Amino acid sequence: MRKIGLIGGMSWYSTRTYYEHINRGVQAKRGKQASAPLLIESLDGAELIGLSSAADWKRASGVLTESAKRLEAAGATAILIGSNAMHKVYDTVAGGVSVPVLHIAECVGERMVHGTIKKAALLGTRNVMVESFYRQKLIARDIELLPPEMGFVDTLDRIIYDELILGKPTRQSERELKTIITNLEKDGAEAIVLGCTELEMVVDVDANVLPIFDCTRIHADAAVDWIVGTE
């Protein structure tokens, strides 16, 4: 089986989720005693939070690119960036290595085009919801995205940075996400894209009023397909 390299630590809670999803997926395909050939480099998430200036993002791209290079040198045959927000520097990271870097939004988009979803809402951190680097990957597959509502953006930033990356989701945040999703349905959304690797902590992915496309599960599924050779 081929080996995945995961750039993690952003946050370590989502890295743990990736590890579990990937191993369960490999086990489902290869047998109960199988586990995933997997390399993880866990970065210090505190150094990659609240980036705003061009200099901040240039520094982040350097940190992630060097991480990808180390994973490739250690034997990874494909790489995942375990953070939606950090895909802003995807092109630099992918250009720094010779192995594939599986883009999380492209994986989500591919999953969505196999269904009948034509209009969706994207939830995540501010840069994921507002900037084009993530949204354009879905729009390119003829998926219409509702425009971001800044009130929702502020709420999600608070929940993600004050609770989820600390591993402390609250019932209040669960209720707030339910309200946001209900309002997005009223606005015409046919599905919700969770564009933050920690949002599954406060959104019931399997039982909701709308179909939920959980980026973490989908990205992990793509890793499993790569490992077992179906990609």
C-alpha atoms as a PDB file:
ATOM      1  CA  MET A   1       0.000   0.000   0.000  1.00  0.00           C
ATOM      2  CA  ARG A   2       1.105   3.555  -0.688  1.00  0.00           C
ATOM      3  CA  LYS A   3       1.914   5.907   2.186  1.00  0.00           C
ATOM      4  CA  ILE A   4       0.161   9.184   3.038  1.00  0.00           C
ATOM      5  CA  GLY A   5       1.893  12.124   4.680  1.00  0.00           C
ATOM      6  CA  LEU A   6      -0.364  14.346   6.796  1.00  0.00           C
ATOM      7  CA  ILE A   7       0.576  17.912   7.736  1.00  0.00           C
ATOM      8  CA  GLY A   8      -1.326  18.235  10.993  1.00  0.00           C
ATOM      9  CA  GLY A   9      -1.454  20.118  14.273  1.00  0.00           C
ATOM     10  CA  MET A  10      -3.882  22.764  12.974  1.00  0.00           C
ATOM     11  CA  SER A  11      -5.508  21.771  15.368  1.00  0.00           C
ATOM     12  CA  TRP A  12      -4.360  18.483  16.858  1.00  0.00           C
ATOM     13  CA  TYR A  13      -8.004  17.571  17.478  1.00  0.00           C
ATOM     14  CA  SER A  14      -8.717  17.471  13.758  1.00  0.00           C
ATOM     15  CA  THR A  15      -5.431  15.631  13.186  1.00  0.00           C
ATOM     16  CA  ARG A  16      -6.692  12.946  15.546  1.00  0.00           C
ATOM     17  CA  THR A  17      -9.932  12.800  13.536  1.00  0.00           C
ATOM     18  CA  TYR A  18      -7.988  12.370  10.290  1.00  0.00           C
ATOM     19  CA  TYR A  19      -5.974   9.549  11.848  1.00  0.00           C
ATOM     20  CA  GLU A  20      -9.100   7.729  12.958  1.00  0.00           C
ATOM     21  CA  HIS A  21     -11.016   8.194   9.680  1.00  0.00           C
ATOM     22  CA  ILE A  22      -8.069   7.099   7.527  1.00  0.00           C
ATOM     23  CA  ASN A  23      -7.361   4.021   9.601  1.00  0.00           C
ATOM     24  CA  ARG A  24     -11.018   2.998   9.723  1.00  0.00           C
ATOM     25  CA  GLY A  25     -11.241   3.435   5.971  1.00  0.00           C
ATOM     26  CA  VAL A  26      -8.189   1.281   5.311  1.00  0.00           C
ATOM     27  CA  GLN A  27      -9.510  -1.308   7.750  1.00  0.00           C
ATOM     28  CA  ALA A  28     -12.840  -1.412   5.887  1.00  0.00           C
ATOM     29  CA  LYS A  29     -11.077  -2.053   2.591  1.00  0.00           C
ATOM     30  CA  ARG A  30      -8.194  -4.266   3.718  1.00  0.00           C
ATOM     31  CA  GLY A  31      -9.543  -6.210   6.674  1.00  0.00           C
ATOM     32  CA  LYS A  32     -10.033  -5.792  10.399  1.00  0.00           C
ATOM     33  CA  GLN A  33      -6.355  -6.135  11.259  1.00  0.00           C
ATOM     34  CA  ALA A  34      -5.147  -3.576   8.700  1.00  0.00           C
ATOM     35  CA  SER A  35      -3.960  -0.078   9.530  1.00  0.00           C
ATOM     36  CA  ALA A  36      -2.894   2.846   7.387  1.00  0.00           C
ATOM     37  CA  PRO A  37       0.707   3.474   6.275  1.00  0.00           C
ATOM     38  CA  LEU A  38       0.755   7.050   7.497  1.00  0.00           C
ATOM     39  CA  LEU A  39       3.312   9.729   8.348  1.00  0.00           C
ATOM     40  CA  ILE A  40       2.201  12.707  10.433  1.00  0.00           C
ATOM     41  CA  GLU A  41       4.088  15.924  10.999  1.00  0.00           C
ATOM     42  CA  SER A  42       2.224  17.834  13.685  1.00  0.00           C
ATOM     43  CA  LEU A  43       3.011  21.538  13.429  1.00  0.00           C
ATOM     44  CA  ASP A  44       2.558  24.055  16.211  1.00  0.00           C
ATOM     45  CA  GLY A  45      -0.916  25.361  15.466  1.00  0.00           C
ATOM     46  CA  ALA A  46      -0.365  28.426  17.639  1.00  0.00           C
ATOM     47  CA  GLU A  47       2.068  29.741  15.021  1.00  0.00           C
ATOM     48  CA  LEU A  48      -0.517  29.426  12.240  1.00  0.00           C
ATOM     49  CA  ILE A  49      -3.572  31.106  13.768  1.00  0.00           C
ATOM     50  CA  GLY A  50      -4.858  34.580  13.021  1.00  0.00           C
ATOM     51  CA  LEU A  51      -2.788  35.133   9.897  1.00  0.00           C
ATOM     52  CA  SER A  52      -3.693  38.368   8.137  1.00  0.00           C
ATOM     53  CA  SER A  53      -0.810  40.114   6.409  1.00  0.00           C
ATOM     54  CA  ALA A  54       0.991  39.016   3.255  1.00  0.00           C
ATOM     55  CA  ALA A  55       4.082  38.468   5.384  1.00  0.00           C
ATOM     56  CA  ASP A  56       2.118  36.157   7.698  1.00  0.00           C
ATOM     57  CA  TRP A  57       0.950  34.034   4.802  1.00  0.00           C
ATOM     58  CA  LYS A  58       4.386  33.952   3.209  1.00  0.00           C
ATOM     59  CA  ARG A  59       5.783  32.625   6.465  1.00  0.00           C
ATOM     60  CA  ALA A  60       2.997  30.031   6.681  1.00  0.00           C
ATOM     61  CA  SER A  61       3.624  28.871   3.127  1.00  0.00           C
ATOM     62  CA  GLY A  62       7.273  28.344   4.010  1.00  0.00           C
ATOM     63  CA  VAL A  63       6.400  26.360   7.139  1.00  0.00           C
ATOM     64  CA  LEU A  64       3.995  24.072   5.272  1.00  0.00           C
ATOM     65  CA  THR A  65       6.242  23.641   2.252  1.00  0.00           C
ATOM     66  CA  GLU A  66       9.163  22.549   4.416  1.00  0.00           C
ATOM     67  CA  SER A  67       6.846  20.157   6.230  1.00  0.00           C
ATOM     68  CA  ALA A  68       5.706  18.659   2.928  1.00  0.00           C
ATOM     69  CA  LYS A  69       9.310  18.236   1.828  1.00  0.00           C
ATOM     70  CA  ARG A  70      10.170  16.393   5.031  1.00  0.00           C
ATOM     71  CA  LEU A  71       7.201  14.063   4.592  1.00  0.00           C
ATOM     72  CA  GLU A  72       8.167  13.342   1.000  1.00  0.00           C
ATOM     73  CA  ALA A  73      11.759  12.635   2.028  1.00  0.00           C
ATOM     74  CA  ALA A  74      10.458  10.246   4.696  1.00  0.00           C
ATOM     75  CA  GLY A  75       8.569   8.199   2.097  1.00  0.00           C
ATOM     76  CA  ALA A  76       5.127   9.779   1.674  1.00  0.00           C
ATOM     77  CA  THR A  77       3.701   9.119  -1.785  1.00  0.00           C
ATOM     78  CA  ALA A  78       0.937  11.728  -1.401  1.00  0.00           C
ATOM     79  CA  ILE A  79       0.336  14.530   1.083  1.00  0.00           C
ATOM     80  CA  LEU A  80      -2.662  16.027   2.871  1.00  0.00           C
ATOM     81  CA  ILE A  81      -2.810  19.481   4.449  1.00  0.00           C
ATOM     82  CA  GLY A  82      -5.048  18.896   7.462  1.00  0.00           C
ATOM     83  CA  SER A  83      -6.567  22.370   7.449  1.00  0.00           C
ATOM     84  CA  ASN A  84      -8.971  24.101   5.084  1.00  0.00           C
ATOM     85  CA  ALA A  85      -7.641  27.588   5.817  1.00  0.00           C
ATOM     86  CA  MET A  86      -4.063  26.568   5.030  1.00  0.00           C
ATOM     87  CA  HIS A  87      -5.114  25.624   1.494  1.00  0.00           C
ATOM     88  CA  LYS A  88      -4.677  29.306   0.759  1.00  0.00           C
ATOM     89  CA  VAL A  89      -0.990  28.414   0.291  1.00  0.00           C
ATOM     90  CA  TYR A  90      -1.718  25.122  -1.494  1.00  0.00           C
ATOM     91  CA  ASP A  91      -0.071  26.112  -4.774  1.00  0.00           C
ATOM     92  CA  THR A  92       3.227  26.933  -3.076  1.00  0.00           C
ATOM     93  CA  VAL A  93       3.195  23.738  -1.039  1.00  0.00           C
ATOM     94  CA  ALA A  94       2.271  21.545  -4.009  1.00  0.00           C
ATOM     95  CA  GLY A  95       4.940  23.209  -6.088  1.00  0.00           C
ATOM     96  CA  GLY A  96       7.582  22.394  -3.496  1.00  0.00           C
ATOM     97  CA  VAL A  97       7.253  18.609  -3.728  1.00  0.00           C
ATOM     98  CA  SER A  98       7.125  16.035  -6.496  1.00  0.00           C
ATOM     99  CA  VAL A  99       4.353  13.887  -4.982  1.00  0.00           C
ATOM    100  CA  PRO A 100       0.624  14.767  -5.244  1.00  0.00           C
ATOM    101  CA  VAL A 101      -0.918  17.034  -2.617  1.00  0.00           C
ATOM    102  CA  LEU A 102      -4.609  16.144  -2.376  1.00  0.00           C
ATOM    103  CA  HIS A 103      -6.609  19.397  -2.314  1.00  0.00           C
ATOM    104  CA  ILE A 104      -9.387  19.253   0.243  1.00  0.00           C
ATOM    105  CA  ALA A 105     -11.832  21.444  -1.707  1.00  0.00           C
ATOM    106  CA  GLU A 106     -11.255  19.482  -4.911  1.00  0.00           C
ATOM    107  CA  CYS A 107     -12.067  16.288  -3.012  1.00  0.00           C
ATOM    108  CA  VAL A 108     -15.267  17.875  -1.679  1.00  0.00           C
ATOM    109  CA  GLY A 109     -16.212  19.156  -5.126  1.00  0.00           C
ATOM    110  CA  GLU A 110     -15.713  15.733  -6.684  1.00  0.00           C
ATOM    111  CA  ARG A 111     -17.974  14.182  -4.053  1.00  0.00           C
ATOM    112  CA  MET A 112     -20.659  16.804  -4.655  1.00  0.00           C
ATOM    113  CA  VAL A 113     -20.797  16.406  -8.436  1.00  0.00           C
ATOM    114  CA  HIS A 114     -21.729  12.761  -8.008  1.00  0.00           C
ATOM    115  CA  GLY A 115     -24.985  13.867  -6.401  1.00  0.00           C
ATOM    116  CA  THR A 116     -27.708  16.272  -7.467  1.00  0.00           C
ATOM    117  CA  ILE A 117     -26.612  19.262  -5.384  1.00  0.00           C
ATOM    118  CA  LYS A 118     -26.541  22.480  -7.372  1.00  0.00           C
ATOM    119  CA  LYS A 119     -26.665  25.111  -4.626  1.00  0.00           C
ATOM    120  CA  ALA A 120     -24.841  24.927  -1.312  1.00  0.00           C
ATOM    121  CA  ALA A 121     -23.552  26.988   1.581  1.00  0.00           C
ATOM    122  CA  LEU A 122     -19.953  26.927   2.747  1.00  0.00           C
ATOM    123  CA  LEU A 123     -19.153  27.156   6.462  1.00  0.00           C
ATOM    124  CA  GLY A 124     -15.659  27.645   7.867  1.00  0.00           C
ATOM    125  CA  THR A 125     -13.237  30.252   9.064  1.00  0.00           C
ATOM    126  CA  ARG A 126     -13.331  33.783   7.709  1.00  0.00           C
ATOM    127  CA  ASN A 127     -10.784  33.281   4.938  1.00  0.00           C
ATOM    128  CA  VAL A 128     -12.427  30.050   3.747  1.00  0.00           C
ATOM    129  CA  MET A 129     -15.879  31.633   3.614  1.00  0.00           C
ATOM    130  CA  VAL A 130     -14.929  35.028   2.187  1.00  0.00           C
ATOM    131  CA  GLU A 131     -11.882  34.538  -0.040  1.00  0.00           C
ATOM    132  CA  SER A 132     -11.898  32.838  -3.422  1.00  0.00           C
ATOM    133  CA  PHE A 133      -9.135  30.205  -3.063  1.00  0.00           C
ATOM    134  CA  TYR A 134     -11.558  27.623  -1.640  1.00  0.00           C
ATOM    135  CA  ARG A 135     -14.885  28.728  -3.100  1.00  0.00           C
ATOM    136  CA  GLN A 136     -13.605  28.697  -6.683  1.00  0.00           C
ATOM    137  CA  LYS A 137     -12.833  24.965  -6.459  1.00  0.00           C
ATOM    138  CA  LEU A 138     -16.532  24.264  -5.880  1.00  0.00           C
ATOM    139  CA  ILE A 139     -17.851  26.877  -8.283  1.00  0.00           C
ATOM    140  CA  ALA A 140     -15.636  25.393 -11.004  1.00  0.00           C
ATOM    141  CA  ARG A 141     -17.758  22.243 -10.724  1.00  0.00           C
ATOM    142  CA  ASP A 142     -20.971  24.172 -11.381  1.00  0.00           C
ATOM    143  CA  ILE A 143     -21.942  24.250  -7.719  1.00  0.00           C
ATOM    144  CA  GLU A 144     -23.555  27.555  -6.830  1.00  0.00           C
ATOM    145  CA  LEU A 145     -22.528  28.863  -3.409  1.00  0.00           C
ATOM    146  CA  LEU A 146     -24.604  31.238  -1.353  1.00  0.00           C
ATOM    147  CA  PRO A 147     -22.730  34.471  -0.583  1.00  0.00           C
ATOM    148  CA  PRO A 148     -21.233  34.532   2.913  1.00  0.00           C
ATOM    149  CA  GLU A 149     -23.324  36.330   5.530  1.00  0.00           C
ATOM    150  CA  MET A 150     -20.950  38.342   7.686  1.00  0.00           C
ATOM    151  CA  GLY A 151     -22.966  37.697  10.839  1.00  0.00           C
ATOM    152  CA  PHE A 152     -22.471  33.971  10.323  1.00  0.00           C
ATOM    153  CA  VAL A 153     -18.773  34.551   9.549  1.00  0.00           C
ATOM    154  CA  ASP A 154     -18.246  36.309  12.869  1.00  0.00           C
ATOM    155  CA  THR A 155     -20.137  33.607  14.778  1.00  0.00           C
ATOM    156  CA  LEU A 156     -18.183  30.781  13.158  1.00  0.00           C
ATOM    157  CA  ASP A 157     -14.823  32.462  13.742  1.00  0.00           C
ATOM    158  CA  ARG A 158     -15.672  32.800  17.427  1.00  0.00           C
ATOM    159  CA  ILE A 159     -16.816  29.194  17.763  1.00  0.00           C
ATOM    160  CA  ILE A 160     -13.875  27.746  15.838  1.00  0.00           C
ATOM    161  CA  TYR A 161     -11.097  29.769  17.459  1.00  0.00           C
ATOM    162  CA  ASP A 162     -12.497  30.093  20.987  1.00  0.00           C
ATOM    163  CA  GLU A 163     -13.904  26.572  21.337  1.00  0.00           C
ATOM    164  CA  LEU A 164     -13.232  23.973  18.678  1.00  0.00           C
ATOM    165  CA  ILE A 165      -9.468  24.286  18.244  1.00  0.00           C
ATOM    166  CA  LEU A 166      -9.291  24.052  22.030  1.00  0.00           C
ATOM    167  CA  GLY A 167     -11.365  20.868  21.987  1.00  0.00           C
ATOM    168  CA  LYS A 168     -14.150  22.524  24.004  1.00  0.00           C
ATOM    169  CA  PRO A 169     -17.357  22.562  21.946  1.00  0.00           C
ATOM    170  CA  THR A 170     -20.461  23.756  23.789  1.00  0.00           C
ATOM    171  CA  ARG A 171     -24.154  22.968  23.513  1.00  0.00           C
ATOM    172  CA  GLN A 172     -24.733  26.652  22.796  1.00  0.00           C
ATOM    173  CA  SER A 173     -22.514  26.400  19.730  1.00  0.00           C
ATOM    174  CA  GLU A 174     -24.395  23.308  18.567  1.00  0.00           C
ATOM    175  CA  ARG A 175     -27.619  25.308  18.799  1.00  0.00           C
ATOM    176  CA  GLU A 176     -26.071  28.240  16.952  1.00  0.00           C
ATOM    177  CA  LEU A 177     -24.952  25.982  14.098  1.00  0.00           C
ATOM    178  CA  LYS A 178     -28.416  24.440  13.872  1.00  0.00           C
ATOM    179  CA  THR A 179     -29.897  27.927  13.585  1.00  0.00           C
ATOM    180  CA  ILE A 180     -27.382  28.949  10.926  1.00  0.00           C
ATOM    181  CA  ILE A 181     -28.066  25.816   8.876  1.00  0.00           C
ATOM    182  CA  THR A 182     -31.837  26.283   9.179  1.00  0.00           C
ATOM    183  CA  ASN A 183     -31.505  29.866   7.949  1.00  0.00           C
ATOM    184  CA  LEU A 184     -29.294  28.788   5.056  1.00  0.00           C
ATOM    185  CA  GLU A 185     -31.916  26.235   4.033  1.00  0.00           C
ATOM    186  CA  LYS A 186     -34.491  29.033   3.957  1.00  0.00           C
ATOM    187  CA  ASP A 187     -32.091  31.003   1.753  1.00  0.00           C
ATOM    188  CA  GLY A 188     -32.084  28.172  -0.784  1.00  0.00           C
ATOM    189  CA  ALA A 189     -29.140  25.993   0.209  1.00  0.00           C
ATOM    190  CA  GLU A 190     -29.583  22.362  -0.799  1.00  0.00           C
ATOM    191  CA  ALA A 191     -26.548  21.221   1.179  1.00  0.00           C
ATOM    192  CA  ILE A 192     -23.913  22.415   3.625  1.00  0.00           C
ATOM    193  CA  VAL A 193     -20.162  22.143   3.106  1.00  0.00           C
ATOM    194  CA  LEU A 194     -18.218  21.987   6.357  1.00  0.00           C
ATOM    195  CA  GLY A 195     -15.081  23.861   5.328  1.00  0.00           C
ATOM    196  CA  CYS A 196     -13.417  23.564   8.706  1.00  0.00           C
ATOM    197  CA  THR A 197     -11.894  20.329   9.954  1.00  0.00           C
ATOM    198  CA  GLU A 198     -13.264  20.831  13.483  1.00  0.00           C
ATOM    199  CA  LEU A 199     -16.885  21.692  12.678  1.00  0.00           C
ATOM    200  CA  GLU A 200     -18.020  18.090  12.965  1.00  0.00           C
ATOM    201  CA  MET A 201     -17.686  18.636  16.722  1.00  0.00           C
ATOM    202  CA  VAL A 202     -20.827  20.804  16.673  1.00  0.00           C
ATOM    203  CA  VAL A 203     -22.654  19.637  13.537  1.00  0.00           C
ATOM    204  CA  ASP A 204     -24.357  16.256  13.353  1.00  0.00           C
ATOM    205  CA  VAL A 205     -23.034  15.156   9.983  1.00  0.00           C
ATOM    206  CA  ASP A 206     -25.282  12.104   9.690  1.00  0.00           C
ATOM    207  CA  ALA A 207     -28.570  13.540  10.957  1.00  0.00           C
ATOM    208  CA  ASN A 208     -29.299  17.077   9.837  1.00  0.00           C
ATOM    209  CA  VAL A 209     -31.985  19.025   8.029  1.00  0.00           C
ATOM    210  CA  LEU A 210     -29.717  19.234   4.945  1.00  0.00           C
ATOM    211  CA  PRO A 211     -27.087  16.924   3.442  1.00  0.00           C
ATOM    212  CA  ILE A 212     -23.732  17.679   5.068  1.00  0.00           C
ATOM    213  CA  PHE A 213     -20.482  17.386   3.130  1.00  0.00           C
ATOM    214  CA  ASP A 214     -17.867  17.012   5.862  1.00  0.00           C
ATOM    215  CA  CYS A 215     -14.501  18.030   4.426  1.00  0.00           C
ATOM    216  CA  THR A 216     -12.536  15.994   6.949  1.00  0.00           C
ATOM    217  CA  ARG A 217     -14.280  12.719   6.174  1.00  0.00           C
ATOM    218  CA  ILE A 218     -14.132  13.356   2.443  1.00  0.00           C
ATOM    219  CA  HIS A 219     -10.437  14.290   2.515  1.00  0.00           C
ATOM    220  CA  ALA A 220      -9.707  11.217   4.611  1.00  0.00           C
ATOM    221  CA  ASP A 221     -11.655   9.050   2.152  1.00  0.00           C
ATOM    222  CA  ALA A 222      -9.468  10.389  -0.669  1.00  0.00           C
ATOM    223  CA  ALA A 223      -6.395   9.448   1.380  1.00  0.00           C
ATOM    224  CA  VAL A 224      -7.749   5.928   1.844  1.00  0.00           C
ATOM    225  CA  ASP A 225      -8.381   5.597  -1.888  1.00  0.00           C
ATOM    226  CA  TRP A 226      -4.814   6.716  -2.537  1.00  0.00           C
ATOM    227  CA  ILE A 227      -3.359   4.286   0.000  1.00  0.00           C
ATOM    228  CA  VAL A 228      -5.195   1.266  -1.370  1.00  0.00           C
ATOM    229  CA  GLY A 229      -4.519   2.270  -4.961  1.00  0.00           C
ATOM    230  CA  THR A 230      -7.942   3.239  -6.277  1.00  0.00           C
ATOM    231  CA  GLU A 231      -6.855   6.824  -7.027  1.00  0.00           C
END
